[in-house]
Amino acid sequence: SGTENPTPTFSLVSSKRLDPVTLQPFWDFVKAKEPLIKSPYFPVLFSFTAYMSFCLPYIALDFLSTKIPAVRKYKIQPLSYPTLGMMVPCMVQCVYHHVVLIFPVTVAHWYWISVDLPVMAPELPRVLLDVTLCLLLFDFQYFLWHLLHHKVPWLYKTFHKVHHKHVSTFALTTQYSSVWELLSLGFFAAINPVLLKCHPLSEMIFFLVNIWLSVEDHSGYELPWSTNRLMPFGLYGGAPHHDLHHLKFRCNYAPYFTHWDRLFGTLAHARSQQ
């Protein structure tokens, strides 16, 4: 009977690889880069590359919108345009933070905690569930953090005010923030996949989605395919929701979804504010 066990196991692995919706081929591709992923340089390179890649299309739109009315009509505040002089300090601060703050933290993490990449990929439904739960948890954590840093004047002036330098946001203002804000929100994003025991692939996808949604929030554009237009029933606020927060200060504290602001009575809509 001992010789019968390996065959079903092999069949199970094979069936996962042949399933058209399996993530195993993609995970095998990722695992092939294991030396890079396990290096102390990977987290900071991953974070910075993803952030800049998501910012670049909106930077292009910012320059195009001053010339092309067809682009300008999607701008939430069409009379406000970021200049190069506004973009450069944001970019300089971003590079500085990644080199001086994020890199040492990730090196310390690499030194103390080893990265384990399992052989098998997670099932697609599990990935979707884990990423959604991570986003919902981050949304709750950020809402509480954000509300507290607006309600307590000392916290606002000391830690959060720098992020509100620009009343009309643009993509590069996403990470324009104090050291405390950067590290605390980064901690929430990093700890959530650990708390939920996510597969490393789910963790990477969550990081990418979280960075993308943050950039979209600050982009200053509501495009036909913006997340808030794709999600029904006003469950997701998106760029108009967060843009209004920067404009009015005292509303829309949740970064993504609207349920916490609705529950706490801090939800505002652009139309009602005009």
Protein backbone atom coordinates (compact mmCIF):
# COMPACT_ATOMS: atom_id res chain seq x y z
CA SER A 1 0.00 0.00 0.00
CA GLY A 2 3.00 2.30 0.52
CA THR A 3 3.67 2.43 -3.24
CA GLU A 4 0.17 3.74 -4.01
CA ASN A 5 0.52 7.16 -2.36
CA PRO A 6 2.96 8.94 -4.75
CA THR A 7 0.75 8.46 -7.84
CA PRO A 8 -2.29 10.49 -6.66
CA THR A 9 0.03 13.23 -5.41
CA PHE A 10 1.71 13.47 -8.79
CA SER A 11 -1.68 13.50 -10.49
CA LEU A 12 -2.80 16.33 -8.24
CA VAL A 13 0.25 18.42 -9.09
CA SER A 14 -0.16 17.66 -12.79
CA SER A 15 -3.84 18.56 -12.78
CA LYS A 16 -3.02 21.91 -11.18
CA ARG A 17 -0.49 22.62 -13.86
CA LEU A 18 -2.92 21.72 -16.66
CA ASP A 19 -5.87 23.64 -15.23
CA PRO A 20 -6.29 26.71 -17.51
CA VAL A 21 -6.93 29.05 -14.56
CA THR A 22 -4.07 27.81 -12.41
CA LEU A 23 -1.38 30.24 -11.34
CA GLN A 24 1.28 27.55 -11.18
CA PRO A 25 3.06 28.44 -14.47
CA PHE A 26 3.25 32.08 -13.42
CA TRP A 27 4.44 31.12 -9.93
CA ASP A 28 7.10 28.85 -11.46
CA PHE A 29 8.26 31.85 -13.48
CA VAL A 30 8.42 33.98 -10.33
CA LYS A 31 10.26 31.26 -8.41
CA ALA A 32 12.87 31.13 -11.17
CA LYS A 33 13.84 34.63 -9.95
CA GLU A 34 14.23 33.37 -6.39
CA PRO A 35 17.78 34.72 -5.87
CA LEU A 36 16.53 38.23 -6.75
CA ILE A 37 13.38 37.92 -4.63
CA LYS A 38 15.39 36.76 -1.63
CA SER A 39 17.96 39.53 -1.96
CA PRO A 40 17.79 42.54 0.41
CA TYR A 41 17.47 44.82 -2.63
CA PHE A 42 14.26 43.32 -3.98
CA PRO A 43 11.61 44.98 -1.74
CA VAL A 44 12.86 48.51 -2.33
CA LEU A 45 13.34 47.91 -6.08
CA PHE A 46 9.91 46.30 -6.30
CA SER A 47 8.25 49.18 -4.45
CA PHE A 48 9.99 52.00 -6.32
CA THR A 49 9.62 50.41 -9.76
CA ALA A 50 5.92 49.70 -9.24
CA TYR A 51 5.27 53.19 -7.90
CA MET A 52 7.03 54.99 -10.73
CA SER A 53 5.49 52.71 -13.37
CA PHE A 54 2.01 53.54 -12.08
CA CYS A 55 2.80 57.27 -11.82
CA LEU A 56 4.24 57.69 -15.32
CA PRO A 57 0.95 57.39 -17.29
CA TYR A 58 -0.63 60.07 -15.11
CA ILE A 59 2.45 62.30 -15.43
CA ALA A 60 2.00 62.02 -19.20
CA LEU A 61 -1.68 62.95 -18.82
CA ASP A 62 -0.72 65.99 -16.75
CA PHE A 63 1.40 67.35 -19.59
CA LEU A 64 -1.12 66.37 -22.28
CA SER A 65 -4.12 67.85 -20.46
CA THR A 66 -2.71 71.37 -20.79
CA LYS A 67 -2.79 70.98 -24.57
CA ILE A 68 -5.60 68.54 -25.36
CA PRO A 69 -9.21 69.28 -24.27
CA ALA A 70 -10.19 65.62 -24.75
CA VAL A 71 -7.78 64.73 -21.93
CA ARG A 72 -8.59 67.76 -19.79
CA LYS A 73 -12.26 66.80 -19.46
CA TYR A 74 -11.28 63.85 -17.26
CA LYS A 75 -9.39 66.05 -14.80
CA ILE A 76 -11.24 66.40 -11.50
CA GLN A 77 -9.94 69.94 -10.96
CA PRO A 78 -9.53 71.11 -14.58
CA LEU A 79 -8.16 74.53 -13.65
CA SER A 80 -5.24 73.11 -11.65
CA TYR A 81 -2.14 71.75 -13.36
CA PRO A 82 0.98 70.39 -11.68
CA THR A 83 4.14 72.03 -12.92
CA LEU A 84 7.58 70.50 -13.22
CA GLY A 85 8.56 72.61 -10.22
CA MET A 86 5.87 70.86 -8.19
CA MET A 87 6.71 67.38 -9.45
CA VAL A 88 10.49 67.47 -8.88
CA PRO A 89 10.39 67.91 -5.06
CA CYS A 90 7.94 65.00 -4.83
CA MET A 91 10.26 62.86 -6.92
CA VAL A 92 13.35 63.85 -4.93
CA GLN A 93 11.62 63.07 -1.63
CA CYS A 94 10.43 59.70 -2.98
CA VAL A 95 13.97 58.66 -3.98
CA TYR A 96 15.35 59.90 -0.65
CA HIS A 97 12.76 57.96 1.36
CA HIS A 98 13.35 54.75 -0.59
CA VAL A 99 17.13 54.95 -0.21
CA VAL A 100 17.44 56.32 3.34
CA LEU A 101 14.35 54.81 5.02
CA ILE A 102 12.77 51.91 3.15
CA PHE A 103 16.03 50.23 2.10
CA PRO A 104 17.51 49.98 5.64
CA VAL A 105 14.17 48.65 6.96
CA THR A 106 14.00 45.96 4.27
CA VAL A 107 17.64 44.99 4.87
CA ALA A 108 16.87 44.56 8.58
CA HIS A 109 13.83 42.45 7.67
CA TRP A 110 15.95 40.36 5.29
CA TYR A 111 18.57 39.82 7.99
CA TRP A 112 16.12 38.68 10.69
CA ILE A 113 13.41 36.90 8.68
CA SER A 114 14.11 34.56 5.77
CA VAL A 115 11.84 34.57 2.72
CA ASP A 116 10.17 31.22 2.08
CA LEU A 117 8.80 30.55 -1.41
CA PRO A 118 6.59 27.42 -1.43
CA VAL A 119 6.62 25.07 -4.41
CA MET A 120 2.89 25.24 -5.10
CA ALA A 121 1.02 28.32 -6.25
CA PRO A 122 -2.18 29.36 -4.47
CA GLU A 123 -5.55 28.79 -6.10
CA LEU A 124 -6.91 31.83 -7.97
CA PRO A 125 -10.04 32.17 -5.76
CA ARG A 126 -7.80 32.17 -2.67
CA VAL A 127 -5.60 34.90 -4.17
CA LEU A 128 -8.63 37.06 -4.95
CA LEU A 129 -10.00 36.54 -1.44
CA ASP A 130 -6.67 37.28 0.26
CA VAL A 131 -6.04 40.44 -1.77
CA THR A 132 -9.57 41.68 -1.08
CA LEU A 133 -9.25 41.00 2.66
CA CYS A 134 -5.85 42.73 2.77
CA LEU A 135 -7.33 45.79 1.04
CA LEU A 136 -10.34 45.89 3.37
CA LEU A 137 -8.10 45.59 6.42
CA PHE A 138 -5.71 48.28 5.14
CA ASP A 139 -8.68 50.52 4.34
CA PHE A 140 -9.89 50.18 7.96
CA GLN A 141 -6.43 50.77 9.45
CA TYR A 142 -5.79 53.80 7.26
CA PHE A 143 -9.24 55.23 8.04
CA LEU A 144 -8.57 55.12 11.79
CA TRP A 145 -5.01 56.45 11.37
CA HIS A 146 -6.19 59.20 9.02
CA LEU A 147 -9.16 60.25 11.19
CA LEU A 148 -6.94 60.41 14.28
CA HIS A 149 -4.31 62.51 12.48
CA HIS A 150 -6.97 64.99 11.41
CA LYS A 151 -8.83 65.19 14.73
CA VAL A 152 -5.74 65.69 16.91
CA PRO A 153 -4.13 69.03 15.89
CA TRP A 154 -0.65 68.07 17.12
CA LEU A 155 -0.66 64.87 15.07
CA TYR A 156 -1.86 66.74 11.99
CA LYS A 157 0.72 69.53 12.23
CA THR A 158 3.60 67.24 13.18
CA PHE A 159 3.04 64.26 10.88
CA HIS A 160 0.25 64.64 8.32
CA LYS A 161 0.26 68.28 7.23
CA VAL A 162 3.07 67.76 4.73
CA HIS A 163 0.86 65.38 2.72
CA HIS A 164 -1.75 68.14 2.42
CA LYS A 165 0.66 70.61 0.85
CA HIS A 166 -1.15 70.18 -2.47
CA VAL A 167 -4.89 70.90 -2.48
CA SER A 168 -5.10 69.61 -6.04
CA THR A 169 -3.38 66.23 -6.08
CA PHE A 170 -1.34 64.62 -8.84
CA ALA A 171 0.20 61.16 -9.04
CA LEU A 172 3.56 62.02 -7.48
CA THR A 173 1.88 63.45 -4.36
CA THR A 174 0.87 59.88 -3.40
CA GLN A 175 4.01 59.27 -1.35
CA TYR A 176 4.76 62.91 -0.56
CA SER A 177 4.50 62.52 3.20
CA SER A 178 6.35 62.59 6.50
CA VAL A 179 8.62 59.78 7.62
CA TRP A 180 6.10 58.70 10.28
CA GLU A 181 3.25 58.53 7.76
CA LEU A 182 5.34 56.59 5.26
CA LEU A 183 6.54 54.05 7.82
CA SER A 184 3.24 53.57 9.66
CA LEU A 185 1.19 53.05 6.49
CA GLY A 186 3.96 50.87 5.10
CA PHE A 187 3.78 48.81 8.28
CA PHE A 188 0.03 48.28 7.83
CA ALA A 189 0.56 47.12 4.25
CA ALA A 190 3.42 44.79 5.22
CA ILE A 191 1.79 43.22 8.29
CA ASN A 192 -1.64 42.47 6.80
CA PRO A 193 -0.53 39.58 4.53
CA VAL A 194 1.34 38.13 7.53
CA LEU A 195 -1.72 38.38 9.79
CA LEU A 196 -3.90 36.76 7.12
CA LYS A 197 -1.25 34.12 6.34
CA CYS A 198 -1.20 34.92 2.63
CA HIS A 199 0.84 33.08 0.04
CA PRO A 200 3.85 35.15 -1.16
CA LEU A 201 2.19 35.52 -4.57
CA SER A 202 -0.95 36.94 -2.94
CA GLU A 203 1.29 39.27 -0.94
CA MET A 204 3.04 40.58 -4.07
CA ILE A 205 -0.27 41.09 -5.87
CA PHE A 206 -1.69 42.93 -2.86
CA PHE A 207 1.34 45.24 -2.79
CA LEU A 208 0.91 46.01 -6.49
CA VAL A 209 -2.84 46.60 -6.22
CA ASN A 210 -2.38 48.75 -3.12
CA ILE A 211 0.26 50.93 -4.80
CA TRP A 212 -1.86 51.24 -7.94
CA LEU A 213 -5.02 52.25 -6.05
CA SER A 214 -3.05 54.79 -3.98
CA VAL A 215 -1.63 56.39 -7.12
CA GLU A 216 -5.05 56.38 -8.80
CA ASP A 217 -6.51 58.05 -5.68
CA HIS A 218 -4.04 60.93 -6.00
CA SER A 219 -3.95 61.09 -9.80
CA GLY A 220 -6.47 63.91 -10.13
CA TYR A 221 -8.27 62.08 -12.94
CA GLU A 222 -11.55 60.21 -13.19
CA LEU A 223 -11.20 58.11 -16.32
CA PRO A 224 -13.89 55.86 -17.85
CA TRP A 225 -12.09 52.80 -16.44
CA SER A 226 -11.34 54.27 -13.01
CA THR A 227 -11.97 51.82 -10.18
CA ASN A 228 -14.84 53.83 -8.70
CA ARG A 229 -16.66 53.59 -12.04
CA LEU A 230 -16.11 49.85 -12.29
CA MET A 231 -17.36 49.08 -8.77
CA PRO A 232 -21.15 49.43 -8.35
CA PHE A 233 -23.39 50.99 -5.68
CA GLY A 234 -20.89 53.67 -4.68
CA LEU A 235 -18.94 51.15 -2.59
CA TYR A 236 -15.61 52.53 -3.79
CA GLY A 237 -14.70 56.23 -3.63
CA GLY A 238 -11.60 56.39 -5.80
CA ALA A 239 -9.96 59.55 -7.08
CA PRO A 240 -13.03 61.87 -6.77
CA HIS A 241 -13.49 60.73 -3.15
CA HIS A 242 -9.87 61.35 -2.14
CA ASP A 243 -9.47 64.49 -4.26
CA LEU A 244 -12.36 66.02 -2.31
CA HIS A 245 -10.61 65.11 0.95
CA HIS A 246 -7.56 67.14 -0.10
CA LEU A 247 -9.81 69.99 -1.17
CA LYS A 248 -12.09 70.09 1.92
CA PHE A 249 -9.90 68.36 4.60
CA ARG A 250 -12.79 67.29 6.88
CA CYS A 251 -14.33 64.40 4.94
CA ASN A 252 -13.55 61.14 3.13
CA TYR A 253 -10.87 59.75 5.40
CA ALA A 254 -10.90 56.19 4.06
CA PRO A 255 -8.48 55.71 1.15
CA TYR A 256 -10.53 53.35 -0.98
CA PHE A 257 -13.97 52.16 0.10
CA THR A 258 -16.82 54.36 1.34
CA HIS A 259 -18.43 52.27 4.10
CA TRP A 260 -16.37 53.63 7.00
CA ASP A 261 -16.96 57.26 6.06
CA ARG A 262 -20.64 56.47 5.56
CA LEU A 263 -20.80 54.84 9.01
CA PHE A 264 -18.97 57.68 10.78
CA GLY A 265 -20.85 60.43 8.94
CA THR A 266 -17.73 61.76 7.19
CA LEU A 267 -18.69 60.80 3.63
CA ALA A 268 -18.98 63.65 1.12
CA HIS A 269 -19.69 63.65 -2.59
CA ALA A 270 -18.21 66.07 -5.10
CA ARG A 271 -21.60 67.23 -6.35
CA SER A 272 -22.82 68.13 -2.87
CA GLN A 273 -19.69 70.19 -2.28
CA GLN A 274 -19.87 72.31 -5.41
